[in-house]
């Protein structure tokens, strides 16, 4: 492979992982391409040791409040309202600072948001990923003009 093609391939690979925001259950095995792994739940996942999660950070401050978490109860019928209430909680200055830091980190390489909920489509990680993608100027995982 010529040096030019190698360079183009390397740049393409780097740009494909830059800005990648993934979500993953705490019970899934960590993988090398997870990048920066951050737990975003208030409570530690049941039955899992710290060494298994291989976390870079635990941002309890980004988790839904206990009241909101209990109200939601992972009921898909409450999902839309949960998102609205959770986004309102995440508008607090401390949460905004943490979201900005995560977005900046994601702009440099992959970030994996770790959560414990069983429901992979209706959980706090889904909302945080959407917020981070909005900050990075993406809708549906694509860069907006």
N, C-alpha and C. Protein backbone atom coordinates (compact mmCIF):
# COMPACT_ATOMS: atom_id res chain seq x y z
N UNK A 1 0.85 -1.17 0.00
CA UNK A 1 0.00 0.00 0.00
C UNK A 1 0.90 1.24 0.00
N UNK A 2 0.59 2.18 -0.85
CA UNK A 2 1.42 3.38 -0.94
C UNK A 2 1.26 4.24 0.31
N UNK A 3 2.24 5.07 0.61
CA UNK A 3 2.14 5.96 1.79
C UNK A 3 0.92 6.87 1.74
N UNK A 4 0.55 7.34 0.53
CA UNK A 4 -0.62 8.21 0.41
C UNK A 4 -1.89 7.46 0.79
N UNK A 5 -2.03 6.26 0.31
CA UNK A 5 -3.23 5.47 0.62
C UNK A 5 -3.26 5.11 2.10
N UNK A 6 -2.10 4.79 2.66
CA UNK A 6 -2.04 4.51 4.11
C UNK A 6 -2.49 5.72 4.91
N UNK A 7 -2.02 6.91 4.51
CA UNK A 7 -2.39 8.14 5.21
C UNK A 7 -3.90 8.39 5.11
N UNK A 8 -4.45 8.24 3.93
CA UNK A 8 -5.89 8.45 3.73
C UNK A 8 -6.68 7.47 4.58
N UNK A 9 -6.25 6.21 4.60
CA UNK A 9 -6.92 5.19 5.41
C UNK A 9 -6.85 5.54 6.90
N UNK A 10 -5.68 5.98 7.36
CA UNK A 10 -5.51 6.34 8.77
C UNK A 10 -6.41 7.51 9.14
N UNK A 11 -6.46 8.54 8.32
CA UNK A 11 -7.31 9.70 8.59
C UNK A 11 -8.77 9.28 8.61
N UNK A 12 -9.17 8.43 7.68
CA UNK A 12 -10.56 7.97 7.64
C UNK A 12 -10.91 7.19 8.90
N UNK A 13 -10.02 6.34 9.36
CA UNK A 13 -10.26 5.55 10.57
C UNK A 13 -10.36 6.46 11.79
N UNK A 14 -9.45 7.43 11.90
CA UNK A 14 -9.48 8.35 13.04
C UNK A 14 -10.75 9.17 13.05
N UNK A 15 -11.18 9.65 11.89
CA UNK A 15 -12.39 10.48 11.86
C UNK A 15 -13.64 9.65 12.09
N UNK A 16 -13.59 8.35 11.79
CA UNK A 16 -14.78 7.53 12.01
C UNK A 16 -15.00 7.24 13.49
N UNK A 17 -13.93 7.25 14.30
CA UNK A 17 -14.10 7.03 15.74
C UNK A 17 -14.22 8.33 16.50
N UNK A 18 -13.76 9.42 15.92
CA UNK A 18 -13.89 10.71 16.58
C UNK A 18 -15.36 11.07 16.64
N UNK A 19 -15.81 11.43 17.82
CA UNK A 19 -17.20 11.81 17.98
C UNK A 19 -18.15 10.64 18.17
N UNK A 20 -17.60 9.42 18.23
CA UNK A 20 -18.46 8.25 18.42
C UNK A 20 -18.95 8.22 19.86
N UNK A 21 -20.26 8.18 20.02
CA UNK A 21 -20.87 8.09 21.34
C UNK A 21 -21.68 6.81 21.36
N UNK A 22 -21.24 5.89 22.19
CA UNK A 22 -21.90 4.59 22.25
C UNK A 22 -22.58 4.44 23.60
N UNK A 23 -23.57 3.56 23.65
CA UNK A 23 -24.16 3.21 24.93
C UNK A 23 -24.05 1.70 25.09
N UNK A 24 -23.85 1.28 26.33
CA UNK A 24 -23.62 -0.14 26.58
C UNK A 24 -24.07 -0.48 27.99
N UNK A 25 -24.72 -1.62 28.11
CA UNK A 25 -25.12 -2.10 29.44
C UNK A 25 -23.88 -2.46 30.24
N UNK A 26 -23.96 -2.22 31.53
CA UNK A 26 -22.85 -2.52 32.43
C UNK A 26 -22.52 -4.01 32.43
N UNK A 27 -23.48 -4.83 32.05
CA UNK A 27 -23.30 -6.28 32.09
C UNK A 27 -22.65 -6.84 30.83
N UNK A 28 -22.40 -5.97 29.84
CA UNK A 28 -21.70 -6.38 28.63
C UNK A 28 -20.19 -6.26 28.87
N UNK A 29 -19.43 -7.08 28.18
CA UNK A 29 -17.98 -7.07 28.33
C UNK A 29 -17.39 -5.77 27.76
N UNK A 30 -16.43 -5.18 28.47
CA UNK A 30 -15.72 -4.03 27.92
C UNK A 30 -14.93 -4.46 26.68
N UNK A 31 -14.80 -3.55 25.73
CA UNK A 31 -14.05 -3.82 24.51
C UNK A 31 -13.03 -2.71 24.28
N UNK A 32 -11.93 -3.02 23.62
CA UNK A 32 -10.90 -2.00 23.39
C UNK A 32 -11.41 -0.76 22.65
N UNK A 33 -12.37 -0.93 21.72
CA UNK A 33 -12.85 0.23 20.97
C UNK A 33 -13.93 1.02 21.70
N UNK A 34 -14.20 0.69 22.98
CA UNK A 34 -15.14 1.48 23.78
C UNK A 34 -14.61 2.89 24.03
N UNK A 35 -13.31 3.05 24.01
CA UNK A 35 -12.73 4.36 24.30
C UNK A 35 -12.93 4.72 25.76
N UNK A 36 -13.33 5.96 26.00
CA UNK A 36 -13.55 6.49 27.36
C UNK A 36 -14.86 5.93 27.88
N UNK A 37 -14.79 5.15 28.95
CA UNK A 37 -15.99 4.48 29.51
C UNK A 37 -16.44 5.21 30.76
N UNK A 38 -17.71 5.63 30.76
CA UNK A 38 -18.23 6.40 31.89
C UNK A 38 -19.59 5.85 32.33
N UNK A 39 -19.68 5.51 33.61
CA UNK A 39 -20.94 5.06 34.20
C UNK A 39 -21.79 6.30 34.49
N UNK A 40 -23.05 6.27 34.05
CA UNK A 40 -23.91 7.44 34.22
C UNK A 40 -25.13 7.13 35.09
N UNK A 41 -25.04 6.10 35.90
CA UNK A 41 -26.10 5.77 36.84
C UNK A 41 -25.72 6.25 38.24
N UNK A 42 -26.72 6.57 39.03
CA UNK A 42 -26.48 7.01 40.41
C UNK A 42 -26.05 5.84 41.29
N UNK A 43 -26.61 4.66 41.00
CA UNK A 43 -26.32 3.47 41.79
C UNK A 43 -25.36 2.55 41.04
N UNK A 44 -24.49 1.89 41.80
CA UNK A 44 -23.56 0.94 41.18
C UNK A 44 -24.36 -0.28 40.69
N UNK A 45 -24.05 -0.79 39.50
CA UNK A 45 -24.77 -1.96 38.97
C UNK A 45 -24.61 -3.18 39.89
N UNK A 46 -25.71 -3.86 40.13
CA UNK A 46 -25.71 -5.02 41.03
C UNK A 46 -24.82 -6.14 40.51
N UNK A 47 -24.05 -6.71 41.44
CA UNK A 47 -23.28 -7.91 41.14
C UNK A 47 -22.07 -7.72 40.25
N UNK A 48 -21.62 -6.49 40.09
CA UNK A 48 -20.47 -6.24 39.21
C UNK A 48 -19.35 -5.56 40.01
N UNK A 49 -18.15 -6.11 39.89
CA UNK A 49 -17.00 -5.52 40.55
C UNK A 49 -16.43 -4.37 39.74
N UNK A 50 -15.73 -3.47 40.42
CA UNK A 50 -15.15 -2.31 39.74
C UNK A 50 -14.18 -2.71 38.64
N UNK A 51 -13.41 -3.78 38.89
CA UNK A 51 -12.43 -4.21 37.89
C UNK A 51 -13.10 -4.69 36.60
N UNK A 52 -14.30 -5.24 36.71
CA UNK A 52 -15.00 -5.73 35.51
C UNK A 52 -15.44 -4.57 34.61
N UNK A 53 -15.91 -3.49 35.19
CA UNK A 53 -16.42 -2.39 34.37
C UNK A 53 -15.33 -1.61 33.63
N UNK A 54 -14.14 -1.59 34.21
CA UNK A 54 -13.03 -0.85 33.59
C UNK A 54 -13.44 0.57 33.21
N UNK A 55 -13.91 1.30 34.20
CA UNK A 55 -14.40 2.67 33.98
C UNK A 55 -13.28 3.69 34.00
N UNK A 56 -13.50 4.75 33.23
CA UNK A 56 -12.63 5.91 33.31
C UNK A 56 -13.24 6.95 34.24
N UNK A 57 -14.57 6.90 34.39
CA UNK A 57 -15.25 7.87 35.27
C UNK A 57 -16.61 7.32 35.67
N UNK A 58 -17.11 7.83 36.78
CA UNK A 58 -18.47 7.54 37.25
C UNK A 58 -19.13 8.88 37.51
N UNK A 59 -20.00 9.30 36.64
CA UNK A 59 -20.64 10.61 36.73
C UNK A 59 -22.06 10.47 37.27
N UNK A 60 -22.16 10.25 38.57
CA UNK A 60 -23.47 10.11 39.23
C UNK A 60 -24.32 11.36 39.01
N UNK A 61 -23.64 12.49 38.87
CA UNK A 61 -24.33 13.78 38.74
C UNK A 61 -25.18 13.86 37.47
N UNK A 62 -24.91 12.99 36.50
CA UNK A 62 -25.69 12.98 35.26
C UNK A 62 -26.87 12.02 35.32
N UNK A 63 -26.98 11.26 36.39
CA UNK A 63 -28.08 10.31 36.52
C UNK A 63 -29.38 11.05 36.83
N UNK A 64 -30.51 10.45 36.47
CA UNK A 64 -31.79 11.07 36.85
C UNK A 64 -31.92 11.13 38.37
N UNK A 65 -32.64 12.10 38.85
CA UNK A 65 -32.87 12.21 40.30
C UNK A 65 -33.59 10.94 40.78
N UNK A 66 -33.43 10.59 42.04
CA UNK A 66 -34.15 9.41 42.56
C UNK A 66 -35.66 9.51 42.33
N UNK A 67 -36.21 10.72 42.49
CA UNK A 67 -37.65 10.90 42.29
C UNK A 67 -38.06 10.62 40.85
N UNK A 68 -37.28 11.14 39.90
CA UNK A 68 -37.61 10.92 38.49
C UNK A 68 -37.43 9.45 38.12
N UNK A 69 -36.37 8.85 38.60
CA UNK A 69 -36.11 7.44 38.31
C UNK A 69 -37.26 6.56 38.83
N UNK A 70 -37.72 6.85 40.06
CA UNK A 70 -38.82 6.06 40.63
C UNK A 70 -40.12 6.31 39.86
N UNK A 71 -40.39 7.57 39.51
CA UNK A 71 -41.59 7.89 38.77
C UNK A 71 -41.60 7.16 37.42
N UNK A 72 -40.47 7.18 36.71
CA UNK A 72 -40.38 6.56 35.39
C UNK A 72 -40.54 5.05 35.48
N UNK A 73 -39.81 4.42 36.39
CA UNK A 73 -39.91 2.97 36.56
C UNK A 73 -39.68 2.18 35.29
N UNK A 74 -38.99 2.76 34.32
CA UNK A 74 -38.70 2.14 33.03
C UNK A 74 -39.97 1.69 32.30
N UNK A 75 -41.02 2.49 32.47
CA UNK A 75 -42.29 2.24 31.81
C UNK A 75 -42.27 2.95 30.45
N UNK A 76 -42.23 2.20 29.34
CA UNK A 76 -42.17 2.83 28.02
C UNK A 76 -43.31 3.83 27.77
N UNK A 77 -44.44 3.66 28.43
CA UNK A 77 -45.55 4.60 28.26
C UNK A 77 -45.21 5.98 28.83
N UNK A 78 -44.23 6.05 29.73
CA UNK A 78 -43.81 7.32 30.32
C UNK A 78 -42.54 7.89 29.68
N UNK A 79 -42.05 7.24 28.64
CA UNK A 79 -40.77 7.59 28.04
C UNK A 79 -40.70 9.05 27.56
N UNK A 80 -41.70 9.49 26.82
CA UNK A 80 -41.65 10.87 26.30
C UNK A 80 -41.59 11.89 27.43
N UNK A 81 -42.41 11.71 28.43
CA UNK A 81 -42.41 12.65 29.57
C UNK A 81 -41.12 12.53 30.37
N UNK A 82 -40.61 11.31 30.50
CA UNK A 82 -39.32 11.12 31.19
C UNK A 82 -38.23 11.93 30.50
N UNK A 83 -38.18 11.84 29.17
CA UNK A 83 -37.15 12.58 28.43
C UNK A 83 -37.23 14.07 28.70
N UNK A 84 -38.44 14.62 28.70
CA UNK A 84 -38.61 16.05 28.96
C UNK A 84 -38.13 16.42 30.36
N UNK A 85 -38.55 15.64 31.35
CA UNK A 85 -38.18 15.93 32.74
C UNK A 85 -36.68 15.75 32.95
N UNK A 86 -36.14 14.71 32.34
CA UNK A 86 -34.70 14.43 32.51
C UNK A 86 -33.87 15.52 31.84
N UNK A 87 -34.27 15.94 30.66
CA UNK A 87 -33.56 17.05 30.00
C UNK A 87 -33.61 18.31 30.85
N UNK A 88 -34.73 18.53 31.52
CA UNK A 88 -34.83 19.69 32.41
C UNK A 88 -33.82 19.56 33.56
N UNK A 89 -33.71 18.36 34.13
CA UNK A 89 -32.72 18.15 35.19
C UNK A 89 -31.30 18.37 34.67
N UNK A 90 -31.05 17.93 33.45
CA UNK A 90 -29.71 18.06 32.87
C UNK A 90 -29.38 19.49 32.42
N UNK A 91 -30.33 20.39 32.55
CA UNK A 91 -30.06 21.79 32.21
C UNK A 91 -29.39 22.53 33.37
N UNK A 92 -29.25 21.87 34.52
CA UNK A 92 -28.57 22.47 35.68
C UNK A 92 -27.11 22.75 35.32
N UNK A 93 -26.53 23.84 35.87
CA UNK A 93 -25.15 24.21 35.51
C UNK A 93 -24.11 23.09 35.69
N UNK A 94 -24.19 22.36 36.78
CA UNK A 94 -23.20 21.28 37.01
C UNK A 94 -23.32 20.21 35.92
N UNK A 95 -24.53 19.83 35.58
CA UNK A 95 -24.74 18.84 34.53
C UNK A 95 -24.27 19.38 33.18
N UNK A 96 -24.53 20.65 32.91
CA UNK A 96 -24.11 21.24 31.65
C UNK A 96 -22.58 21.21 31.52
N UNK A 97 -21.88 21.48 32.60
CA UNK A 97 -20.42 21.42 32.59
C UNK A 97 -19.94 20.01 32.25
N UNK A 98 -20.54 19.01 32.89
CA UNK A 98 -20.15 17.63 32.64
C UNK A 98 -20.48 17.19 31.22
N UNK A 99 -21.62 17.61 30.71
CA UNK A 99 -21.99 17.29 29.33
C UNK A 99 -21.03 17.93 28.33
N UNK A 100 -20.62 19.15 28.61
CA UNK A 100 -19.65 19.83 27.74
C UNK A 100 -18.34 19.07 27.73
N UNK A 101 -17.88 18.64 28.91
CA UNK A 101 -16.64 17.88 29.01
C UNK A 101 -16.74 16.56 28.24
N UNK A 102 -17.88 15.87 28.36
CA UNK A 102 -18.06 14.62 27.62
C UNK A 102 -18.09 14.86 26.12
N UNK A 103 -18.75 15.92 25.69
CA UNK A 103 -18.80 16.23 24.25
C UNK A 103 -17.40 16.54 23.73
N UNK A 104 -16.62 17.28 24.50
CA UNK A 104 -15.25 17.59 24.09
C UNK A 104 -14.42 16.31 23.99
N UNK A 105 -14.60 15.42 24.95
CA UNK A 105 -13.88 14.14 24.93
C UNK A 105 -14.32 13.31 23.72
N UNK A 106 -15.63 13.30 23.43
CA UNK A 106 -16.15 12.54 22.30
C UNK A 106 -15.63 13.10 20.98
N UNK A 107 -15.35 14.38 20.95
CA UNK A 107 -14.83 14.99 19.73
C UNK A 107 -13.41 14.49 19.44
N UNK A 108 -12.75 13.96 20.45
CA UNK A 108 -11.38 13.45 20.30
C UNK A 108 -11.33 11.95 20.04
N UNK A 109 -12.35 11.23 20.49
CA UNK A 109 -12.35 9.78 20.33
C UNK A 109 -13.63 9.19 20.89
N UNK A 110 -13.76 7.88 20.81
CA UNK A 110 -15.01 7.24 21.26
C UNK A 110 -15.27 7.42 22.75
N UNK A 111 -16.54 7.61 23.09
CA UNK A 111 -17.02 7.65 24.46
C UNK A 111 -18.14 6.63 24.57
N UNK A 112 -18.07 5.79 25.61
CA UNK A 112 -19.12 4.80 25.82
C UNK A 112 -19.81 5.11 27.14
N UNK A 113 -21.11 5.35 27.07
CA UNK A 113 -21.93 5.62 28.24
C UNK A 113 -22.42 4.27 28.79
N UNK A 114 -22.09 4.00 30.03
CA UNK A 114 -22.42 2.72 30.66
C UNK A 114 -23.63 2.91 31.56
N UNK A 115 -24.60 1.99 31.44
CA UNK A 115 -25.83 2.05 32.24
C UNK A 115 -26.22 0.62 32.62
N UNK A 116 -27.08 0.47 33.62
CA UNK A 116 -27.46 -0.86 34.10
C UNK A 116 -28.87 -1.29 33.70
N UNK A 117 -29.70 -0.39 33.26
CA UNK A 117 -31.11 -0.72 32.95
C UNK A 117 -31.22 -1.87 31.96
N UNK A 118 -32.26 -2.67 32.12
CA UNK A 118 -32.51 -3.78 31.20
C UNK A 118 -32.99 -3.29 29.84
N UNK A 119 -33.82 -2.25 29.86
CA UNK A 119 -34.41 -1.71 28.63
C UNK A 119 -33.35 -0.90 27.88
N UNK A 120 -32.96 -1.40 26.73
CA UNK A 120 -31.88 -0.76 25.97
C UNK A 120 -32.35 0.45 25.15
N UNK A 121 -33.66 0.65 25.04
CA UNK A 121 -34.18 1.75 24.25
C UNK A 121 -34.77 2.88 25.07
N UNK A 122 -35.09 2.61 26.33
CA UNK A 122 -35.72 3.61 27.19
C UNK A 122 -34.93 3.73 28.48
N UNK A 123 -33.83 4.49 28.42
CA UNK A 123 -32.99 4.68 29.61
C UNK A 123 -32.24 6.00 29.51
N UNK A 124 -31.61 6.38 30.61
CA UNK A 124 -30.93 7.67 30.67
C UNK A 124 -29.78 7.80 29.68
N UNK A 125 -29.11 6.70 29.34
CA UNK A 125 -28.00 6.76 28.39
C UNK A 125 -28.47 7.22 27.02
N UNK A 126 -29.66 6.80 26.62
CA UNK A 126 -30.21 7.21 25.33
C UNK A 126 -30.37 8.73 25.29
N UNK A 127 -30.87 9.30 26.36
CA UNK A 127 -31.08 10.75 26.43
C UNK A 127 -29.75 11.48 26.42
N UNK A 128 -28.79 11.01 27.20
CA UNK A 128 -27.48 11.69 27.25
C UNK A 128 -26.79 11.60 25.90
N UNK A 129 -26.87 10.44 25.24
CA UNK A 129 -26.26 10.33 23.91
C UNK A 129 -26.87 11.34 22.95
N UNK A 130 -28.20 11.49 22.97
CA UNK A 130 -28.86 12.48 22.11
C UNK A 130 -28.37 13.89 22.41
N UNK A 131 -28.25 14.23 23.69
CA UNK A 131 -27.77 15.56 24.07
C UNK A 131 -26.34 15.80 23.58
N UNK A 132 -25.50 14.78 23.73
CA UNK A 132 -24.11 14.92 23.28
C UNK A 132 -24.03 15.06 21.76
N UNK A 133 -24.84 14.30 21.05
CA UNK A 133 -24.86 14.41 19.59
C UNK A 133 -25.35 15.79 19.15
N UNK A 134 -26.32 16.33 19.87
CA UNK A 134 -26.79 17.68 19.57
C UNK A 134 -25.66 18.69 19.78
N UNK A 135 -24.90 18.51 20.85
CA UNK A 135 -23.78 19.42 21.12
C UNK A 135 -22.71 19.33 20.05
N UNK A 136 -22.55 18.14 19.49
CA UNK A 136 -21.54 17.95 18.45
C UNK A 136 -22.08 18.31 17.07
N UNK A 137 -23.32 18.79 17.02
CA UNK A 137 -23.90 19.23 15.76
C UNK A 137 -24.37 18.11 14.87
N UNK A 138 -24.81 17.01 15.52
CA UNK A 138 -25.27 15.87 14.74
C UNK A 138 -26.72 15.58 15.07
N UNK A 139 -27.42 15.12 14.06
CA UNK A 139 -28.80 14.65 14.26
C UNK A 139 -28.83 13.24 13.69
N UNK A 140 -29.28 12.29 14.50
CA UNK A 140 -29.33 10.91 14.02
C UNK A 140 -27.97 10.34 13.71
N UNK A 141 -26.92 10.85 14.41
CA UNK A 141 -25.58 10.33 14.21
C UNK A 141 -24.83 10.95 13.03
N UNK A 142 -25.44 11.93 12.34
CA UNK A 142 -24.78 12.56 11.20
C UNK A 142 -24.52 14.03 11.51
N UNK A 143 -23.46 14.53 10.94
CA UNK A 143 -23.13 15.94 11.11
C UNK A 143 -24.12 16.80 10.35
N UNK A 144 -24.59 17.85 11.04
CA UNK A 144 -25.51 18.77 10.36
C UNK A 144 -24.70 19.87 9.68
N UNK A 145 -25.23 20.45 8.60
CA UNK A 145 -24.49 21.49 7.88
C UNK A 145 -24.30 22.74 8.70
